[in-house]
Amino acid sequence: MSRPEGTVRQVIGAPHPLLSAMAESVDPTDPDVVAAAADLLATLRTEASTMGLAAPQIGLSWRLIAFDAQLHPRSRSWAGELVVANPRLARASHWDHGREGCASIAGLTADVLRATRITVLGHLPGTGEAVTIEADAFEARCIQHQLDHLDGLLFLDRVPGALSLHRRLHSCDA
């Protein structure tokens, strides 16, 4: 199956209702899902300093995430530039706080507790092939952030209080 180029879509901002809704499972072989996967990647490539996006952020209430954490200075693992349909966190360990930001929340970052080692199961759009992702450090944080979007959560929902919030000062925040 040829890989569609995708269309850059607008990233929606909070408090849009899609960002607080549970996303629906998808058929990874459905042509509309394959097209949405291409749109996610095309949009991700144009978002400066953004390492991941979830389908709800481009207006689709589907369980579909895209990520590419290769260029982030805190990355250790790299699964590639990847889109995963129906991703599921299978294992999480080694918890730590780290700074996160979000393309859907301009100007803020926060210290969020996340696992630094994870295993995620899902399927590749197009073929439907099962995929297992082992990630650590920043890539693990990025993927968990995207998984939260599929469950209607924003990183602000994981902040224990106002002292954990920060104004975004530079573009290398997560």
N, C-alpha and C. Protein backbone atom coordinates (compact mmCIF):
# COMPACT_ATOMS: atom_id res chain seq x y z
N MET A 1 0.85 -1.17 0.00
CA MET A 1 0.00 0.00 0.00
C MET A 1 0.89 1.23 0.00
N SER A 2 0.65 2.16 -0.92
CA SER A 2 1.45 3.38 -0.95
C SER A 2 1.09 4.28 0.22
N ARG A 3 2.08 5.03 0.65
CA ARG A 3 1.90 5.90 1.81
C ARG A 3 1.43 7.27 1.35
N PRO A 4 0.21 7.68 1.74
CA PRO A 4 -0.28 9.00 1.34
C PRO A 4 0.53 10.10 2.02
N GLU A 5 0.66 11.24 1.34
CA GLU A 5 1.45 12.35 1.87
C GLU A 5 0.77 13.03 3.05
N GLY A 6 -0.51 13.13 3.05
CA GLY A 6 -1.23 13.76 4.15
C GLY A 6 -1.42 15.25 3.97
N THR A 7 -2.39 15.76 4.68
CA THR A 7 -2.74 17.17 4.66
C THR A 7 -2.46 17.76 6.03
N VAL A 8 -1.82 18.91 6.07
CA VAL A 8 -1.58 19.58 7.34
C VAL A 8 -2.92 20.11 7.85
N ARG A 9 -3.23 19.76 9.08
CA ARG A 9 -4.49 20.21 9.70
C ARG A 9 -4.18 21.18 10.83
N GLN A 10 -5.18 21.95 11.18
CA GLN A 10 -5.05 22.87 12.30
C GLN A 10 -5.09 22.07 13.60
N VAL A 11 -4.20 22.39 14.53
CA VAL A 11 -4.21 21.78 15.86
C VAL A 11 -5.20 22.57 16.71
N ILE A 12 -6.19 21.86 17.26
CA ILE A 12 -7.20 22.54 18.06
C ILE A 12 -6.67 22.78 19.47
N GLY A 13 -7.16 23.83 20.08
CA GLY A 13 -6.70 24.20 21.41
C GLY A 13 -7.74 23.95 22.47
N ALA A 14 -7.26 23.84 23.71
CA ALA A 14 -8.14 23.72 24.86
C ALA A 14 -8.89 25.04 25.00
N PRO A 15 -10.14 25.01 25.37
CA PRO A 15 -10.91 23.90 25.94
C PRO A 15 -11.83 23.19 24.95
N HIS A 16 -11.40 22.94 23.74
CA HIS A 16 -12.24 22.26 22.75
C HIS A 16 -12.76 20.94 23.34
N PRO A 17 -14.05 20.63 23.15
CA PRO A 17 -14.65 19.43 23.75
C PRO A 17 -13.99 18.10 23.32
N LEU A 18 -13.43 18.03 22.11
CA LEU A 18 -12.77 16.79 21.68
C LEU A 18 -11.57 16.45 22.55
N LEU A 19 -10.95 17.47 23.15
CA LEU A 19 -9.76 17.24 23.96
C LEU A 19 -10.09 16.66 25.33
N SER A 20 -11.36 16.64 25.68
CA SER A 20 -11.75 16.06 26.97
C SER A 20 -12.66 14.84 26.80
N ALA A 21 -12.73 14.32 25.59
CA ALA A 21 -13.57 13.15 25.30
C ALA A 21 -12.73 11.90 25.08
N MET A 22 -13.29 10.76 25.41
CA MET A 22 -12.64 9.47 25.16
C MET A 22 -12.70 9.19 23.66
N ALA A 23 -11.56 8.91 23.04
CA ALA A 23 -11.49 8.63 21.61
C ALA A 23 -11.94 7.19 21.33
N GLU A 24 -12.42 6.95 20.12
CA GLU A 24 -12.95 5.65 19.72
C GLU A 24 -11.89 4.81 19.02
N SER A 25 -11.95 3.50 19.23
CA SER A 25 -11.06 2.57 18.53
C SER A 25 -11.31 2.65 17.03
N VAL A 26 -10.28 2.31 16.25
CA VAL A 26 -10.38 2.40 14.80
C VAL A 26 -9.96 1.08 14.16
N ASP A 27 -10.37 0.92 12.92
CA ASP A 27 -9.87 -0.19 12.09
C ASP A 27 -8.63 0.34 11.38
N PRO A 28 -7.44 -0.14 11.73
CA PRO A 28 -6.23 0.44 11.15
C PRO A 28 -6.10 0.26 9.63
N THR A 29 -6.91 -0.64 9.04
CA THR A 29 -6.85 -0.82 7.59
C THR A 29 -7.87 0.04 6.83
N ASP A 30 -8.74 0.73 7.55
CA ASP A 30 -9.73 1.61 6.93
C ASP A 30 -9.01 2.74 6.20
N PRO A 31 -9.35 2.99 4.94
CA PRO A 31 -8.69 4.07 4.18
C PRO A 31 -8.79 5.44 4.85
N ASP A 32 -9.88 5.72 5.54
CA ASP A 32 -10.01 7.00 6.25
C ASP A 32 -9.01 7.09 7.40
N VAL A 33 -8.76 5.98 8.07
CA VAL A 33 -7.79 5.94 9.16
C VAL A 33 -6.38 6.12 8.60
N VAL A 34 -6.10 5.47 7.47
CA VAL A 34 -4.78 5.61 6.82
C VAL A 34 -4.56 7.07 6.42
N ALA A 35 -5.60 7.70 5.87
CA ALA A 35 -5.49 9.11 5.49
C ALA A 35 -5.29 10.00 6.73
N ALA A 36 -6.00 9.69 7.81
CA ALA A 36 -5.84 10.47 9.05
C ALA A 36 -4.43 10.30 9.62
N ALA A 37 -3.88 9.10 9.49
CA ALA A 37 -2.50 8.85 9.96
C ALA A 37 -1.53 9.73 9.17
N ALA A 38 -1.72 9.81 7.88
CA ALA A 38 -0.86 10.66 7.04
C ALA A 38 -1.04 12.13 7.43
N ASP A 39 -2.27 12.54 7.72
CA ASP A 39 -2.52 13.92 8.15
C ASP A 39 -1.84 14.22 9.48
N LEU A 40 -1.88 13.26 10.40
CA LEU A 40 -1.20 13.44 11.69
C LEU A 40 0.30 13.67 11.47
N LEU A 41 0.93 12.85 10.65
CA LEU A 41 2.36 13.02 10.38
C LEU A 41 2.65 14.33 9.68
N ALA A 42 1.85 14.69 8.69
CA ALA A 42 2.06 15.95 7.98
C ALA A 42 1.95 17.13 8.94
N THR A 43 0.99 17.08 9.84
CA THR A 43 0.80 18.15 10.81
C THR A 43 1.94 18.17 11.81
N LEU A 44 2.34 17.00 12.29
CA LEU A 44 3.44 16.90 13.24
C LEU A 44 4.72 17.51 12.66
N ARG A 45 4.97 17.26 11.40
CA ARG A 45 6.19 17.77 10.76
C ARG A 45 6.22 19.29 10.68
N THR A 46 5.05 19.93 10.74
CA THR A 46 5.00 21.40 10.62
C THR A 46 4.94 22.10 11.97
N GLU A 47 4.72 21.35 13.04
CA GLU A 47 4.60 21.95 14.37
C GLU A 47 5.98 22.06 15.01
N ALA A 48 6.51 23.26 15.06
CA ALA A 48 7.84 23.48 15.64
C ALA A 48 7.87 23.01 17.09
N SER A 49 8.89 22.28 17.44
CA SER A 49 9.16 21.77 18.80
C SER A 49 8.11 20.79 19.31
N THR A 50 7.24 20.29 18.44
CA THR A 50 6.25 19.30 18.84
C THR A 50 6.74 17.92 18.42
N MET A 51 6.76 16.99 19.39
CA MET A 51 7.29 15.65 19.12
C MET A 51 6.18 14.61 18.97
N GLY A 52 4.94 14.98 19.24
CA GLY A 52 3.85 14.03 19.12
C GLY A 52 2.52 14.74 18.98
N LEU A 53 1.57 14.06 18.35
CA LEU A 53 0.20 14.54 18.22
C LEU A 53 -0.74 13.35 18.30
N ALA A 54 -1.93 13.61 18.78
CA ALA A 54 -2.99 12.60 18.83
C ALA A 54 -4.14 13.07 17.94
N ALA A 55 -4.88 12.12 17.39
CA ALA A 55 -5.97 12.44 16.47
C ALA A 55 -6.96 13.47 17.04
N PRO A 56 -7.32 13.42 18.35
CA PRO A 56 -8.23 14.45 18.85
C PRO A 56 -7.70 15.88 18.67
N GLN A 57 -6.39 16.03 18.64
CA GLN A 57 -5.80 17.36 18.46
C GLN A 57 -6.00 17.92 17.06
N ILE A 58 -6.33 17.05 16.10
CA ILE A 58 -6.63 17.53 14.74
C ILE A 58 -8.10 17.32 14.41
N GLY A 59 -8.91 17.18 15.45
CA GLY A 59 -10.36 17.15 15.26
C GLY A 59 -10.99 15.79 15.04
N LEU A 60 -10.25 14.70 15.30
CA LEU A 60 -10.79 13.35 15.10
C LEU A 60 -10.80 12.60 16.43
N SER A 61 -11.95 12.12 16.84
CA SER A 61 -12.04 11.39 18.10
C SER A 61 -11.72 9.91 17.88
N TRP A 62 -10.48 9.67 17.41
CA TRP A 62 -10.02 8.33 17.08
C TRP A 62 -8.78 8.00 17.89
N ARG A 63 -8.59 6.73 18.19
CA ARG A 63 -7.41 6.27 18.95
C ARG A 63 -6.24 6.08 17.97
N LEU A 64 -5.60 7.19 17.70
CA LEU A 64 -4.51 7.25 16.73
C LEU A 64 -3.51 8.30 17.22
N ILE A 65 -2.23 7.91 17.33
CA ILE A 65 -1.19 8.85 17.77
C ILE A 65 -0.03 8.83 16.79
N ALA A 66 0.66 9.96 16.70
CA ALA A 66 1.88 10.07 15.90
C ALA A 66 2.96 10.66 16.80
N PHE A 67 4.19 10.19 16.61
CA PHE A 67 5.29 10.76 17.39
C PHE A 67 6.61 10.54 16.67
N ASP A 68 7.55 11.42 16.99
CA ASP A 68 8.92 11.33 16.49
C ASP A 68 9.78 12.14 17.44
N ALA A 69 10.40 11.47 18.39
CA ALA A 69 11.16 12.15 19.44
C ALA A 69 12.67 12.14 19.16
N GLN A 70 13.07 11.81 17.97
CA GLN A 70 14.48 11.66 17.66
C GLN A 70 15.30 12.92 17.96
N LEU A 71 14.78 14.07 17.65
CA LEU A 71 15.58 15.30 17.74
C LEU A 71 15.53 15.97 19.12
N HIS A 72 14.73 15.43 20.02
CA HIS A 72 14.66 16.06 21.34
C HIS A 72 15.94 15.77 22.12
N PRO A 73 16.49 16.78 22.79
CA PRO A 73 17.77 16.58 23.49
C PRO A 73 17.72 15.56 24.63
N ARG A 74 16.54 15.27 25.17
CA ARG A 74 16.45 14.30 26.26
C ARG A 74 16.03 12.90 25.78
N SER A 75 16.02 12.68 24.46
CA SER A 75 15.65 11.36 23.93
C SER A 75 16.81 10.39 24.08
N ARG A 76 16.47 9.17 24.45
CA ARG A 76 17.44 8.08 24.46
C ARG A 76 17.00 6.98 23.50
N SER A 77 15.72 6.60 23.56
CA SER A 77 15.20 5.61 22.61
C SER A 77 14.60 6.36 21.42
N TRP A 78 14.43 5.63 20.32
CA TRP A 78 13.78 6.21 19.16
C TRP A 78 13.13 5.10 18.36
N ALA A 79 11.80 5.05 18.38
CA ALA A 79 11.05 4.03 17.64
C ALA A 79 10.89 4.43 16.18
N GLY A 80 11.21 5.68 15.86
CA GLY A 80 11.06 6.18 14.50
C GLY A 80 9.95 7.20 14.43
N GLU A 81 9.73 7.70 13.23
CA GLU A 81 8.58 8.55 12.98
C GLU A 81 7.42 7.58 12.78
N LEU A 82 6.49 7.56 13.71
CA LEU A 82 5.54 6.46 13.77
C LEU A 82 4.13 6.93 14.06
N VAL A 83 3.17 6.26 13.44
CA VAL A 83 1.75 6.42 13.78
C VAL A 83 1.28 5.06 14.28
N VAL A 84 0.55 5.07 15.39
CA VAL A 84 0.05 3.83 15.98
C VAL A 84 -1.46 3.96 16.17
N ALA A 85 -2.18 2.95 15.70
CA ALA A 85 -3.63 2.89 15.88
C ALA A 85 -3.94 2.05 17.11
N ASN A 86 -4.91 2.47 17.86
CA ASN A 86 -5.38 1.77 19.06
C ASN A 86 -4.23 1.43 20.02
N PRO A 87 -3.37 2.40 20.31
CA PRO A 87 -2.24 2.12 21.21
C PRO A 87 -2.72 1.84 22.63
N ARG A 88 -2.00 0.94 23.29
CA ARG A 88 -2.36 0.55 24.67
C ARG A 88 -1.08 0.42 25.47
N LEU A 89 -1.05 1.07 26.62
CA LEU A 89 0.09 0.98 27.52
C LEU A 89 0.06 -0.39 28.19
N ALA A 90 1.09 -1.22 27.93
CA ALA A 90 1.13 -2.57 28.47
C ALA A 90 2.01 -2.66 29.70
N ARG A 91 3.00 -1.78 29.80
CA ARG A 91 3.92 -1.80 30.94
C ARG A 91 4.45 -0.40 31.16
N ALA A 92 4.61 -0.04 32.45
CA ALA A 92 5.17 1.27 32.80
C ALA A 92 5.97 1.11 34.09
N SER A 93 7.17 1.69 34.12
CA SER A 93 8.00 1.61 35.32
C SER A 93 8.96 2.80 35.39
N HIS A 94 9.65 2.92 36.51
CA HIS A 94 10.66 3.96 36.75
C HIS A 94 10.06 5.36 36.60
N TRP A 95 9.26 5.77 37.53
CA TRP A 95 8.52 7.03 37.47
C TRP A 95 9.40 8.21 37.85
N ASP A 96 9.18 9.34 37.15
CA ASP A 96 9.94 10.54 37.42
C ASP A 96 9.15 11.76 36.93
N HIS A 97 9.44 12.91 37.52
CA HIS A 97 8.83 14.16 37.08
C HIS A 97 9.63 14.74 35.92
N GLY A 98 8.93 15.37 34.99
CA GLY A 98 9.58 16.04 33.87
C GLY A 98 8.68 17.12 33.32
N ARG A 99 9.30 18.08 32.66
CA ARG A 99 8.57 19.21 32.09
C ARG A 99 7.88 18.81 30.81
N GLU A 100 6.60 19.20 30.68
CA GLU A 100 5.82 18.94 29.47
C GLU A 100 5.10 20.18 29.02
N GLY A 101 4.91 20.27 27.72
CA GLY A 101 4.07 21.28 27.11
C GLY A 101 3.15 20.58 26.13
N CYS A 102 2.31 21.33 25.44
CA CYS A 102 1.34 20.72 24.54
C CYS A 102 0.98 21.69 23.43
N ALA A 103 0.91 21.19 22.21
CA ALA A 103 0.53 22.02 21.06
C ALA A 103 -0.88 22.58 21.22
N SER A 104 -1.72 21.95 22.05
CA SER A 104 -3.09 22.41 22.26
C SER A 104 -3.23 23.38 23.44
N ILE A 105 -2.12 23.64 24.13
CA ILE A 105 -2.14 24.58 25.26
C ILE A 105 -0.95 25.51 25.11
N ALA A 106 -1.20 26.67 24.53
CA ALA A 106 -0.13 27.61 24.24
C ALA A 106 0.40 28.26 25.52
N GLY A 107 1.72 28.38 25.57
CA GLY A 107 2.35 29.21 26.59
C GLY A 107 2.56 28.61 27.96
N LEU A 108 2.15 27.37 28.19
CA LEU A 108 2.32 26.77 29.51
C LEU A 108 3.06 25.44 29.41
N THR A 109 3.86 25.17 30.44
CA THR A 109 4.43 23.85 30.64
C THR A 109 4.19 23.49 32.09
N ALA A 110 4.42 22.24 32.44
CA ALA A 110 4.24 21.82 33.83
C ALA A 110 5.11 20.61 34.11
N ASP A 111 5.39 20.41 35.38
CA ASP A 111 6.11 19.23 35.83
C ASP A 111 5.10 18.11 36.04
N VAL A 112 5.28 17.01 35.29
CA VAL A 112 4.31 15.91 35.29
C VAL A 112 5.03 14.61 35.62
N LEU A 113 4.41 13.81 36.48
CA LEU A 113 4.96 12.50 36.83
C LEU A 113 4.56 11.49 35.76
N ARG A 114 5.58 10.81 35.17
CA ARG A 114 5.35 9.80 34.14
C ARG A 114 6.36 8.67 34.32
N ALA A 115 6.02 7.52 33.75
CA ALA A 115 6.97 6.41 33.70
C ALA A 115 8.07 6.75 32.71
N THR A 116 9.29 6.39 33.03
CA THR A 116 10.40 6.64 32.11
C THR A 116 10.74 5.42 31.26
N ARG A 117 10.08 4.29 31.52
CA ARG A 117 10.22 3.09 30.70
C ARG A 117 8.83 2.51 30.46
N ILE A 118 8.49 2.33 29.20
CA ILE A 118 7.15 1.83 28.87
C ILE A 118 7.20 0.82 27.73
N THR A 119 6.14 0.03 27.66
CA THR A 119 5.87 -0.83 26.51
C THR A 119 4.46 -0.50 26.04
N VAL A 120 4.33 -0.23 24.76
CA VAL A 120 3.03 0.11 24.16
C VAL A 120 2.75 -0.89 23.04
N LEU A 121 1.52 -1.37 23.01
CA LEU A 121 1.05 -2.27 21.96
C LEU A 121 0.05 -1.53 21.08
N GLY A 122 0.05 -1.81 19.80
CA GLY A 122 -0.91 -1.18 18.90
C GLY A 122 -0.80 -1.80 17.52
N HIS A 123 -1.31 -1.08 16.53
CA HIS A 123 -1.31 -1.56 15.15
C HIS A 123 -0.88 -0.45 14.21
N LEU A 124 -0.23 -0.83 13.12
CA LEU A 124 0.20 0.14 12.12
C LEU A 124 -0.95 0.43 11.16
N PRO A 125 -1.23 1.72 10.93
CA PRO A 125 -2.25 2.07 9.93
C PRO A 125 -1.83 1.58 8.55
N GLY A 126 -2.79 1.11 7.82
CA GLY A 126 -2.53 0.59 6.48
C GLY A 126 -2.52 -0.92 6.48
N THR A 127 -1.50 -1.51 7.09
CA THR A 127 -1.37 -2.97 7.10
C THR A 127 -2.14 -3.61 8.25
N GLY A 128 -2.30 -2.88 9.34
CA GLY A 128 -2.92 -3.44 10.53
C GLY A 128 -1.96 -4.30 11.33
N GLU A 129 -0.70 -4.36 10.90
CA GLU A 129 0.31 -5.17 11.57
C GLU A 129 0.46 -4.76 13.03
N ALA A 130 0.52 -5.75 13.92
CA ALA A 130 0.73 -5.48 15.34
C ALA A 130 2.12 -4.92 15.56
N VAL A 131 2.23 -3.96 16.47
CA VAL A 131 3.52 -3.34 16.76
C VAL A 131 3.68 -3.25 18.28
N THR A 132 4.91 -3.48 18.74
CA THR A 132 5.27 -3.31 20.15
C THR A 132 6.36 -2.26 20.21
N ILE A 133 6.16 -1.26 21.02
CA ILE A 133 7.13 -0.17 21.17
C ILE A 133 7.69 -0.20 22.57
N GLU A 134 9.00 -0.28 22.68
CA GLU A 134 9.71 -0.16 23.95
C GLU A 134 10.33 1.24 23.94
N ALA A 135 9.97 2.06 24.90
CA ALA A 135 10.48 3.43 24.92
C ALA A 135 10.94 3.80 26.31
N ASP A 136 11.91 4.71 26.34
CA ASP A 136 12.35 5.22 27.64
C ASP A 136 12.61 6.72 27.54
N ALA A 137 12.90 7.31 28.69
CA ALA A 137 13.24 8.73 28.79
C ALA A 137 12.17 9.60 28.12
N PHE A 138 12.61 10.53 27.29
CA PHE A 138 11.67 11.50 26.72
C PHE A 138 10.65 10.84 25.79
N GLU A 139 11.09 9.86 25.00
CA GLU A 139 10.14 9.22 24.09
C GLU A 139 8.99 8.57 24.87
N ALA A 140 9.30 7.96 26.02
CA ALA A 140 8.25 7.36 26.85
C ALA A 140 7.28 8.44 27.34
N ARG A 141 7.82 9.57 27.75
CA ARG A 141 6.99 10.70 28.21
C ARG A 141 6.08 11.19 27.08
N CYS A 142 6.66 11.34 25.91
CA CYS A 142 5.91 11.83 24.75
C CYS A 142 4.75 10.89 24.41
N ILE A 143 5.01 9.60 24.39
CA ILE A 143 3.97 8.63 24.05
C ILE A 143 2.86 8.64 25.10
N GLN A 144 3.23 8.69 26.38
CA GLN A 144 2.21 8.72 27.43
C GLN A 144 1.35 9.98 27.33
N HIS A 145 1.96 11.09 26.97
CA HIS A 145 1.23 12.34 26.78
C HIS A 145 0.18 12.15 25.67
N GLN A 146 0.58 11.49 24.57
CA GLN A 146 -0.37 11.25 23.47
C GLN A 146 -1.47 10.27 23.90
N LEU A 147 -1.12 9.25 24.65
CA LEU A 147 -2.12 8.30 25.15
C LEU A 147 -3.16 9.01 26.01
N ASP A 148 -2.71 9.96 26.82
CA ASP A 148 -3.65 10.75 27.63
C ASP A 148 -4.67 11.46 26.76
N HIS A 149 -4.21 12.02 25.63
CA HIS A 149 -5.15 12.71 24.73
C HIS A 149 -6.27 11.77 24.28
N LEU A 150 -5.95 10.50 24.09
CA LEU A 150 -6.97 9.54 23.64
C LEU A 150 -7.98 9.24 24.73
N ASP A 151 -7.60 9.50 25.97
CA ASP A 151 -8.50 9.28 27.10
C ASP A 151 -9.13 10.58 27.60
N GLY A 152 -9.01 11.64 26.83
CA GLY A 152 -9.62 12.92 27.19
C GLY A 152 -8.88 13.67 28.28
N LEU A 153 -7.60 13.39 28.45
CA LEU A 153 -6.81 14.06 29.48
C LEU A 153 -5.77 14.99 28.84
N LEU A 154 -5.56 16.12 29.48
CA LEU A 154 -4.48 17.03 29.11
C LEU A 154 -3.41 16.95 30.19
N PHE A 155 -2.19 17.37 29.88
CA PHE A 155 -1.14 17.29 30.89
C PHE A 155 -1.50 18.11 32.12
N LEU A 156 -2.30 19.16 31.96
CA LEU A 156 -2.73 19.97 33.10
C LEU A 156 -3.58 19.16 34.08
N ASP A 157 -4.25 18.11 33.60
CA ASP A 157 -5.04 17.25 34.48
C ASP A 157 -4.16 16.43 35.41
N ARG A 158 -2.88 16.33 35.11
CA ARG A 158 -1.94 15.56 35.93
C ARG A 158 -1.08 16.44 36.85
N VAL A 159 -1.33 17.73 36.84
CA VAL A 159 -0.55 18.67 37.65
C VAL A 159 -1.14 18.75 39.05
N PRO A 160 -0.30 18.53 40.07
CA PRO A 160 -0.82 18.52 41.44
C PRO A 160 -1.20 19.90 41.98
N GLY A 161 -0.66 20.97 41.40
CA GLY A 161 -0.98 22.30 41.89
C GLY A 161 -0.32 23.38 41.07
N ALA A 162 -0.66 24.63 41.37
CA ALA A 162 -0.18 25.77 40.59
C ALA A 162 1.34 25.91 40.61
N LEU A 163 2.00 25.43 41.65
CA LEU A 163 3.45 25.56 41.72
C LEU A 163 4.15 24.68 40.69
N SER A 164 3.44 23.75 40.08
CA SER A 164 4.02 22.90 39.04
C SER A 164 3.91 23.51 37.65
N LEU A 165 3.19 24.63 37.52
CA LEU A 165 3.00 25.28 36.22
C LEU A 165 4.12 26.27 35.94
N HIS A 166 4.46 26.40 34.64
CA HIS A 166 5.50 27.33 34.22
C HIS A 166 5.10 27.95 32.89
N ARG A 167 5.52 29.19 32.67
CA ARG A 167 5.35 29.78 31.35
C ARG A 167 6.38 29.16 30.42
N ARG A 168 5.98 28.84 29.21
CA ARG A 168 6.91 28.28 28.22
C ARG A 168 7.91 29.35 27.85
N LEU A 169 9.18 29.05 28.06
CA LEU A 169 10.21 30.03 27.82
C LEU A 169 11.02 29.78 26.55
N HIS A 170 11.11 28.53 26.12
CA HIS A 170 11.88 28.22 24.93
C HIS A 170 11.29 27.03 24.21
N SER A 171 11.73 26.82 22.99
CA SER A 171 11.07 25.85 22.13
C SER A 171 11.45 24.40 22.39
N CYS A 172 12.38 24.12 23.29
CA CYS A 172 12.75 22.71 23.49
C CYS A 172 11.96 22.06 24.60
N ASP A 173 10.97 22.75 25.16
CA ASP A 173 10.09 22.10 26.13
C ASP A 173 9.35 20.99 25.41
N ALA A 174 8.95 19.96 26.16
CA ALA A 174 8.26 18.82 25.55
C ALA A 174 6.98 19.25 24.90
